[in-house]
Amino acid sequence: MDDPQPPNPLAAAFPAPPPFWQSFTPENIERISKLRASQNPTKREENGLPPRILDLPPELRFLQPPEPPEEGVYRCFGDVFNLKDPLPTLQEMSIQQLYTPPPSPSSHVDRALILKRLAKSLLLNFLELTGIMATNPEQYEEKVQDLRTLFINFHHLLNEYRPHQARESLILMMQDQLEKSRRETEGIREVKEKVEGVIEGLGSVKLAEFGNGKLGKGKVDIVAEGRDVWETLEKEFS
């Protein structure tokens, strides 16, 4: 008789830290910091992380994160996950489908109507369950199964919205970045106009009069405005 398999420690409710935590000592952290500092300072990854060091001693290899997987599977807390995990259909999960699928993936109005109907059915079945528990509790199993089927249908329909939600979130992020770039460009244009005005005004000031301290009120204003412009430049771009 085969011995029973020991439970997976990483799949526990409160898993212990992985064994490589012992590599994160102050000495090792200082060593890898020096190695990173010796690398090309202009070389940075797109996400802002320090450059990867290929040849590291064994005790320092766990101090830099692994490269993200591009395809295949990855492991998290002892479970294996697929990077490209398509949403299974209700038929593939052996679940009764309680609604007629929308004619196209972009039919969001139909999906919203189906979700409202499923929500009303959930409330009605829950009220029926409370009545059964009050009169004949032994018959609860069938009604609980109905609720389970309704919840799975409801959750499956919500999961079909995930690609649409991801696209809308990406659109909002790009709009925010575009608006930020426009504000920065407008600020640079305003400062540029101020600088050009100050340069034109300073060009009309005679160097001899400036050296003798014979500046009129308008010319003093020009110099004061120039100082304000340079202070604004230092504040914006320092």
C-alpha atoms as a PDB file:
ATOM      1  CA  MET A   1       0.000   0.000   0.000  1.00  0.00           C
ATOM      2  CA  ASP A   2       1.415   3.349  -1.011  1.00  0.00           C
ATOM      3  CA  ASP A   3       2.237   5.825   1.698  1.00  0.00           C
ATOM      4  CA  PRO A   4      -0.063   8.858   1.815  1.00  0.00           C
ATOM      5  CA  GLN A   5       1.338  11.931   0.132  1.00  0.00           C
ATOM      6  CA  PRO A   6       2.355  14.699   2.564  1.00  0.00           C
ATOM      7  CA  PRO A   7       0.315  17.896   2.282  1.00  0.00           C
ATOM      8  CA  ASN A   8       1.727  20.693   0.178  1.00  0.00           C
ATOM      9  CA  PRO A   9       3.124  23.298   2.637  1.00  0.00           C
ATOM     10  CA  LEU A  10       2.763  26.101   0.078  1.00  0.00           C
ATOM     11  CA  ALA A  11      -0.964  25.433  -0.311  1.00  0.00           C
ATOM     12  CA  ALA A  12      -1.687  25.875   3.408  1.00  0.00           C
ATOM     13  CA  ALA A  13      -3.884  28.703   4.648  1.00  0.00           C
ATOM     14  CA  PHE A  14      -0.840  30.315   6.286  1.00  0.00           C
ATOM     15  CA  PRO A  15       2.166  28.964   4.339  1.00  0.00           C
ATOM     16  CA  ALA A  16       5.644  29.221   5.788  1.00  0.00           C
ATOM     17  CA  PRO A  17       8.126  31.494   4.008  1.00  0.00           C
ATOM     18  CA  PRO A  18      10.130  29.835   1.209  1.00  0.00           C
ATOM     19  CA  PRO A  19      13.563  28.534   2.169  1.00  0.00           C
ATOM     20  CA  PHE A  20      15.440  31.171   0.147  1.00  0.00           C
ATOM     21  CA  TRP A  21      14.456  33.869   2.641  1.00  0.00           C
ATOM     22  CA  GLN A  22      17.721  33.000   4.393  1.00  0.00           C
ATOM     23  CA  SER A  23      19.606  34.549   1.458  1.00  0.00           C
ATOM     24  CA  PHE A  24      18.247  38.028   2.281  1.00  0.00           C
ATOM     25  CA  THR A  25      20.896  38.969   4.822  1.00  0.00           C
ATOM     26  CA  PRO A  26      22.262  42.514   5.240  1.00  0.00           C
ATOM     27  CA  GLU A  27      25.626  41.346   3.904  1.00  0.00           C
ATOM     28  CA  ASN A  28      24.118  39.830   0.752  1.00  0.00           C
ATOM     29  CA  ILE A  29      21.923  42.869   0.147  1.00  0.00           C
ATOM     30  CA  GLU A  30      24.960  45.134   0.425  1.00  0.00           C
ATOM     31  CA  ARG A  31      26.939  42.908  -1.956  1.00  0.00           C
ATOM     32  CA  ILE A  32      24.282  42.901  -4.663  1.00  0.00           C
ATOM     33  CA  SER A  33      23.788  46.661  -4.249  1.00  0.00           C
ATOM     34  CA  LYS A  34      27.473  47.189  -4.982  1.00  0.00           C
ATOM     35  CA  LEU A  35      27.289  44.878  -7.982  1.00  0.00           C
ATOM     36  CA  ARG A  36      24.302  46.794  -9.346  1.00  0.00           C
ATOM     37  CA  ALA A  37      26.095  50.082  -8.794  1.00  0.00           C
ATOM     38  CA  SER A  38      29.042  48.819 -10.810  1.00  0.00           C
ATOM     39  CA  GLN A  39      26.774  48.149 -13.788  1.00  0.00           C
ATOM     40  CA  ASN A  40      26.017  50.729 -16.472  1.00  0.00           C
ATOM     41  CA  PRO A  41      23.879  53.355 -14.647  1.00  0.00           C
ATOM     42  CA  THR A  42      22.055  54.287 -17.847  1.00  0.00           C
ATOM     43  CA  LYS A  43      20.882  50.730 -18.391  1.00  0.00           C
ATOM     44  CA  ARG A  44      17.450  50.280 -16.878  1.00  0.00           C
ATOM     45  CA  GLU A  45      14.563  48.017 -17.647  1.00  0.00           C
ATOM     46  CA  GLU A  46      11.302  49.452 -18.895  1.00  0.00           C
ATOM     47  CA  ASN A  47       9.543  48.986 -15.558  1.00  0.00           C
ATOM     48  CA  GLY A  48      12.226  50.910 -13.686  1.00  0.00           C
ATOM     49  CA  LEU A  49      13.864  47.893 -12.045  1.00  0.00           C
ATOM     50  CA  PRO A  50      17.667  47.688 -11.853  1.00  0.00           C
ATOM     51  CA  PRO A  51      19.406  45.748 -14.615  1.00  0.00           C
ATOM     52  CA  ARG A  52      19.663  42.000 -14.239  1.00  0.00           C
ATOM     53  CA  ILE A  53      23.074  40.566 -13.410  1.00  0.00           C
ATOM     54  CA  LEU A  54      23.684  37.314 -15.224  1.00  0.00           C
ATOM     55  CA  ASP A  55      26.699  35.928 -13.347  1.00  0.00           C
ATOM     56  CA  LEU A  56      25.805  35.969  -9.665  1.00  0.00           C
ATOM     57  CA  PRO A  57      27.145  33.772  -6.865  1.00  0.00           C
ATOM     58  CA  PRO A  58      24.679  31.087  -5.712  1.00  0.00           C
ATOM     59  CA  GLU A  59      23.945  32.896  -2.452  1.00  0.00           C
ATOM     60  CA  LEU A  60      22.894  36.056  -4.351  1.00  0.00           C
ATOM     61  CA  ARG A  61      20.773  34.575  -7.129  1.00  0.00           C
ATOM     62  CA  PHE A  62      17.554  34.759  -5.120  1.00  0.00           C
ATOM     63  CA  LEU A  63      18.024  38.490  -4.467  1.00  0.00           C
ATOM     64  CA  GLN A  64      16.930  39.501  -7.941  1.00  0.00           C
ATOM     65  CA  PRO A  65      13.447  38.548  -9.132  1.00  0.00           C
ATOM     66  CA  PRO A  66      13.105  36.090 -12.000  1.00  0.00           C
ATOM     67  CA  GLU A  67      12.045  37.258 -15.409  1.00  0.00           C
ATOM     68  CA  PRO A  68       8.272  37.203 -15.894  1.00  0.00           C
ATOM     69  CA  PRO A  69       7.119  34.206 -17.942  1.00  0.00           C
ATOM     70  CA  GLU A  70       6.044  35.007 -21.470  1.00  0.00           C
ATOM     71  CA  GLU A  71       4.174  31.766 -22.137  1.00  0.00           C
ATOM     72  CA  GLY A  72       3.297  28.471 -20.527  1.00  0.00           C
ATOM     73  CA  VAL A  73       2.472  28.194 -16.841  1.00  0.00           C
ATOM     74  CA  TYR A  74       3.627  29.662 -13.552  1.00  0.00           C
ATOM     75  CA  ARG A  75       3.431  28.455  -9.960  1.00  0.00           C
ATOM     76  CA  CYS A  76       2.006  30.439  -7.062  1.00  0.00           C
ATOM     77  CA  PHE A  77       1.611  29.060  -3.519  1.00  0.00           C
ATOM     78  CA  GLY A  78       2.057  25.535  -4.805  1.00  0.00           C
ATOM     79  CA  ASP A  79      -0.657  25.795  -7.497  1.00  0.00           C
ATOM     80  CA  VAL A  80       0.011  25.873 -11.229  1.00  0.00           C
ATOM     81  CA  PHE A  81      -1.669  28.603 -13.299  1.00  0.00           C
ATOM     82  CA  ASN A  82      -1.811  29.011 -17.061  1.00  0.00           C
ATOM     83  CA  LEU A  83      -0.881  32.400 -18.493  1.00  0.00           C
ATOM     84  CA  LYS A  84      -3.423  32.048 -21.276  1.00  0.00           C
ATOM     85  CA  ASP A  85      -6.344  30.476 -19.450  1.00  0.00           C
ATOM     86  CA  PRO A  86      -9.487  30.907 -21.581  1.00  0.00           C
ATOM     87  CA  LEU A  87     -12.825  31.208 -19.865  1.00  0.00           C
ATOM     88  CA  PRO A  88     -14.535  27.797 -20.061  1.00  0.00           C
ATOM     89  CA  THR A  89     -18.154  27.636 -21.140  1.00  0.00           C
ATOM     90  CA  LEU A  90     -20.914  26.534 -18.829  1.00  0.00           C
ATOM     91  CA  GLN A  91     -21.325  23.385 -20.902  1.00  0.00           C
ATOM     92  CA  GLU A  92     -17.657  22.517 -20.351  1.00  0.00           C
ATOM     93  CA  MET A  93     -18.189  22.908 -16.599  1.00  0.00           C
ATOM     94  CA  SER A  94     -21.346  20.719 -16.765  1.00  0.00           C
ATOM     95  CA  ILE A  95     -23.489  23.615 -15.533  1.00  0.00           C
ATOM     96  CA  GLN A  96     -26.970  24.301 -16.848  1.00  0.00           C
ATOM     97  CA  GLN A  97     -27.066  27.571 -18.794  1.00  0.00           C
ATOM     98  CA  LEU A  98     -30.087  29.576 -17.680  1.00  0.00           C
ATOM     99  CA  TYR A  99     -29.928  32.303 -20.299  1.00  0.00           C
ATOM    100  CA  THR A 100     -29.640  32.657 -24.032  1.00  0.00           C
ATOM    101  CA  PRO A 101     -26.171  33.957 -24.938  1.00  0.00           C
ATOM    102  CA  PRO A 102     -26.103  37.465 -26.465  1.00  0.00           C
ATOM    103  CA  PRO A 103     -25.795  37.504 -30.268  1.00  0.00           C
ATOM    104  CA  SER A 104     -22.369  39.185 -30.174  1.00  0.00           C
ATOM    105  CA  PRO A 105     -19.647  39.849 -27.587  1.00  0.00           C
ATOM    106  CA  SER A 106     -20.334  43.609 -27.797  1.00  0.00           C
ATOM    107  CA  SER A 107     -24.028  43.286 -26.866  1.00  0.00           C
ATOM    108  CA  HIS A 108     -23.605  44.845 -23.436  1.00  0.00           C
ATOM    109  CA  VAL A 109     -27.241  45.940 -23.178  1.00  0.00           C
ATOM    110  CA  ASP A 110     -28.429  42.339 -23.475  1.00  0.00           C
ATOM    111  CA  ARG A 111     -25.926  41.208 -20.840  1.00  0.00           C
ATOM    112  CA  ALA A 112     -27.055  43.897 -18.406  1.00  0.00           C
ATOM    113  CA  LEU A 113     -30.675  42.786 -18.849  1.00  0.00           C
ATOM    114  CA  ILE A 114     -29.706  39.140 -18.254  1.00  0.00           C
ATOM    115  CA  LEU A 115     -27.808  40.093 -15.088  1.00  0.00           C
ATOM    116  CA  LYS A 116     -30.864  41.930 -13.748  1.00  0.00           C
ATOM    117  CA  ARG A 117     -33.059  38.895 -14.388  1.00  0.00           C
ATOM    118  CA  LEU A 118     -30.577  36.564 -12.710  1.00  0.00           C
ATOM    119  CA  ALA A 119     -30.371  38.889  -9.702  1.00  0.00           C
ATOM    120  CA  LYS A 120     -34.167  38.837  -9.338  1.00  0.00           C
ATOM    121  CA  SER A 121     -34.156  35.043  -9.625  1.00  0.00           C
ATOM    122  CA  LEU A 122     -31.509  34.833  -6.903  1.00  0.00           C
ATOM    123  CA  LEU A 123     -33.622  36.935  -4.541  1.00  0.00           C
ATOM    124  CA  LEU A 124     -36.733  34.876  -5.271  1.00  0.00           C
ATOM    125  CA  ASN A 125     -34.952  31.552  -4.739  1.00  0.00           C
ATOM    126  CA  PHE A 126     -33.409  32.810  -1.505  1.00  0.00           C
ATOM    127  CA  LEU A 127     -36.863  33.725  -0.205  1.00  0.00           C
ATOM    128  CA  GLU A 128     -38.099  30.280  -1.207  1.00  0.00           C
ATOM    129  CA  LEU A 129     -35.156  28.724   0.643  1.00  0.00           C
ATOM    130  CA  THR A 130     -36.026  30.620   3.819  1.00  0.00           C
ATOM    131  CA  GLY A 131     -39.613  29.364   3.523  1.00  0.00           C
ATOM    132  CA  ILE A 132     -38.439  25.773   3.045  1.00  0.00           C
ATOM    133  CA  MET A 133     -36.117  26.032   6.065  1.00  0.00           C
ATOM    134  CA  ALA A 134     -39.066  27.244   8.139  1.00  0.00           C
ATOM    135  CA  THR A 135     -41.524  24.523   7.071  1.00  0.00           C
ATOM    136  CA  ASN A 136     -39.546  21.491   5.856  1.00  0.00           C
ATOM    137  CA  PRO A 137     -35.769  21.829   6.333  1.00  0.00           C
ATOM    138  CA  GLU A 138     -35.089  18.353   4.896  1.00  0.00           C
ATOM    139  CA  GLN A 139     -35.896  19.630   1.398  1.00  0.00           C
ATOM    140  CA  TYR A 140     -33.274  22.368   1.359  1.00  0.00           C
ATOM    141  CA  GLU A 141     -30.815  20.548  -0.916  1.00  0.00           C
ATOM    142  CA  GLU A 142     -32.692  21.059  -4.171  1.00  0.00           C
ATOM    143  CA  LYS A 143     -33.161  24.780  -3.551  1.00  0.00           C
ATOM    144  CA  VAL A 144     -29.500  25.228  -2.585  1.00  0.00           C
ATOM    145  CA  GLN A 145     -28.541  23.553  -5.860  1.00  0.00           C
ATOM    146  CA  ASP A 146     -30.769  26.004  -7.741  1.00  0.00           C
ATOM    147  CA  LEU A 147     -29.038  28.890  -6.004  1.00  0.00           C
ATOM    148  CA  ARG A 148     -25.637  27.445  -6.868  1.00  0.00           C
ATOM    149  CA  THR A 149     -26.581  27.193 -10.546  1.00  0.00           C
ATOM    150  CA  LEU A 150     -27.846  30.773 -10.541  1.00  0.00           C
ATOM    151  CA  PHE A 151     -24.692  32.090  -8.881  1.00  0.00           C
ATOM    152  CA  ILE A 152     -22.421  30.270 -11.338  1.00  0.00           C
ATOM    153  CA  ASN A 153     -24.409  31.634 -14.296  1.00  0.00           C
ATOM    154  CA  PHE A 154     -24.262  35.135 -12.812  1.00  0.00           C
ATOM    155  CA  HIS A 155     -20.521  34.900 -12.133  1.00  0.00           C
ATOM    156  CA  HIS A 156     -19.809  33.448 -15.572  1.00  0.00           C
ATOM    157  CA  LEU A 157     -21.606  36.320 -17.265  1.00  0.00           C
ATOM    158  CA  LEU A 158     -19.600  38.812 -15.198  1.00  0.00           C
ATOM    159  CA  ASN A 159     -16.343  37.104 -16.188  1.00  0.00           C
ATOM    160  CA  GLU A 160     -17.246  37.620 -19.838  1.00  0.00           C
ATOM    161  CA  TYR A 161     -17.039  41.349 -19.103  1.00  0.00           C
ATOM    162  CA  ARG A 162     -13.374  41.127 -18.039  1.00  0.00           C
ATOM    163  CA  PRO A 163     -11.841  41.821 -21.497  1.00  0.00           C
ATOM    164  CA  HIS A 164     -14.162  44.800 -21.917  1.00  0.00           C
ATOM    165  CA  GLN A 165     -13.228  46.050 -18.428  1.00  0.00           C
ATOM    166  CA  ALA A 166      -9.514  45.695 -19.221  1.00  0.00           C
ATOM    167  CA  ARG A 167      -9.901  47.664 -22.463  1.00  0.00           C
ATOM    168  CA  GLU A 168     -11.830  50.455 -20.751  1.00  0.00           C
ATOM    169  CA  SER A 169      -9.260  50.651 -17.933  1.00  0.00           C
ATOM    170  CA  LEU A 170      -6.454  50.887 -20.500  1.00  0.00           C
ATOM    171  CA  ILE A 171      -8.331  53.626 -22.380  1.00  0.00           C
ATOM    172  CA  LEU A 172      -8.708  55.651 -19.153  1.00  0.00           C
ATOM    173  CA  MET A 173      -5.002  55.248 -18.350  1.00  0.00           C
ATOM    174  CA  MET A 174      -4.004  56.407 -21.830  1.00  0.00           C
ATOM    175  CA  GLN A 175      -6.398  59.367 -21.634  1.00  0.00           C
ATOM    176  CA  ASP A 176      -4.907  60.401 -18.284  1.00  0.00           C
ATOM    177  CA  GLN A 177      -1.373  60.187 -19.692  1.00  0.00           C
ATOM    178  CA  LEU A 178      -2.398  62.179 -22.762  1.00  0.00           C
ATOM    179  CA  GLU A 179      -4.038  64.871 -20.625  1.00  0.00           C
ATOM    180  CA  LYS A 180      -0.952  65.070 -18.411  1.00  0.00           C
ATOM    181  CA  SER A 181       1.279  65.455 -21.482  1.00  0.00           C
ATOM    182  CA  ARG A 182      -0.975  68.195 -22.818  1.00  0.00           C
ATOM    183  CA  ARG A 183      -0.813  70.106 -19.524  1.00  0.00           C
ATOM    184  CA  GLU A 184       2.969  69.810 -19.430  1.00  0.00           C
ATOM    185  CA  THR A 185       3.225  70.962 -23.043  1.00  0.00           C
ATOM    186  CA  GLU A 186       0.979  73.939 -22.350  1.00  0.00           C
ATOM    187  CA  GLY A 187       3.039  74.874 -19.295  1.00  0.00           C
ATOM    188  CA  ILE A 188       6.274  74.689 -21.312  1.00  0.00           C
ATOM    189  CA  ARG A 189       4.709  76.855 -24.030  1.00  0.00           C
ATOM    190  CA  GLU A 190       3.663  79.516 -21.498  1.00  0.00           C
ATOM    191  CA  VAL A 191       7.129  79.597 -19.929  1.00  0.00           C
ATOM    192  CA  LYS A 192       8.672  79.798 -23.406  1.00  0.00           C
ATOM    193  CA  GLU A 193       6.554  82.842 -24.243  1.00  0.00           C
ATOM    194  CA  LYS A 194       7.568  84.524 -20.969  1.00  0.00           C
ATOM    195  CA  VAL A 195      11.243  83.828 -21.612  1.00  0.00           C
ATOM    196  CA  GLU A 196      11.007  85.199 -25.162  1.00  0.00           C
ATOM    197  CA  GLY A 197       9.333  88.353 -23.848  1.00  0.00           C
ATOM    198  CA  VAL A 198      12.027  88.852 -21.230  1.00  0.00           C
ATOM    199  CA  ILE A 199      14.814  88.293 -23.785  1.00  0.00           C
ATOM    200  CA  GLU A 200      13.259  90.830 -26.136  1.00  0.00           C
ATOM    201  CA  GLY A 201      12.983  93.324 -23.279  1.00  0.00           C
ATOM    202  CA  LEU A 202      16.549  92.771 -22.125  1.00  0.00           C
ATOM    203  CA  GLY A 203      17.755  93.265 -25.676  1.00  0.00           C
ATOM    204  CA  SER A 204      16.486  96.836 -25.595  1.00  0.00           C
ATOM    205  CA  VAL A 205      18.411  97.697 -22.445  1.00  0.00           C
ATOM    206  CA  LYS A 206      21.660  99.485 -23.109  1.00  0.00           C
ATOM    207  CA  LEU A 207      24.641  97.850 -21.492  1.00  0.00           C
ATOM    208  CA  ALA A 208      26.152 101.221 -20.643  1.00  0.00           C
ATOM    209  CA  GLU A 209      23.089 102.345 -18.732  1.00  0.00           C
ATOM    210  CA  PHE A 210      22.912  98.989 -16.988  1.00  0.00           C
ATOM    211  CA  GLY A 211      26.561  99.333 -15.890  1.00  0.00           C
ATOM    212  CA  ASN A 212      26.035 102.868 -14.593  1.00  0.00           C
ATOM    213  CA  GLY A 213      22.900 101.856 -12.712  1.00  0.00           C
ATOM    214  CA  LYS A 214      20.742 104.196 -14.789  1.00  0.00           C
ATOM    215  CA  LEU A 215      17.706 101.981 -15.343  1.00  0.00           C
ATOM    216  CA  GLY A 216      14.272 103.373 -15.814  1.00  0.00           C
ATOM    217  CA  LYS A 217      11.219 102.031 -14.017  1.00  0.00           C
ATOM    218  CA  GLY A 218      10.125  99.952 -17.035  1.00  0.00           C
ATOM    219  CA  LYS A 219      13.554  98.420 -17.388  1.00  0.00           C
ATOM    220  CA  VAL A 220      13.661  97.536 -13.704  1.00  0.00           C
ATOM    221  CA  ASP A 221      10.330  95.795 -14.159  1.00  0.00           C
ATOM    222  CA  ILE A 222      11.816  93.810 -17.029  1.00  0.00           C
ATOM    223  CA  VAL A 223      14.699  92.629 -14.863  1.00  0.00           C
ATOM    224  CA  ALA A 224      12.336  91.745 -12.020  1.00  0.00           C
ATOM    225  CA  GLU A 225      10.148  89.820 -14.432  1.00  0.00           C
ATOM    226  CA  GLY A 226      13.233  87.997 -15.669  1.00  0.00           C
ATOM    227  CA  ARG A 227      14.038  86.894 -12.145  1.00  0.00           C
ATOM    228  CA  ASP A 228      10.472  85.629 -11.753  1.00  0.00           C
ATOM    229  CA  VAL A 229      10.780  83.629 -14.962  1.00  0.00           C
ATOM    230  CA  TRP A 230      14.028  81.985 -13.879  1.00  0.00           C
ATOM    231  CA  GLU A 231      12.536  81.151 -10.478  1.00  0.00           C
ATOM    232  CA  THR A 232       9.552  79.587 -12.253  1.00  0.00           C
ATOM    233  CA  LEU A 233      11.907  77.563 -14.484  1.00  0.00           C
ATOM    234  CA  GLU A 234      13.863  76.293 -11.497  1.00  0.00           C
ATOM    235  CA  LYS A 235      10.648  75.383  -9.683  1.00  0.00           C
ATOM    236  CA  GLU A 236       9.186  73.531 -12.661  1.00  0.00           C
ATOM    237  CA  PHE A 237      12.268  71.698 -13.935  1.00  0.00           C
ATOM    238  CA  SER A 238      14.568  71.327 -10.929  1.00  0.00           C
END
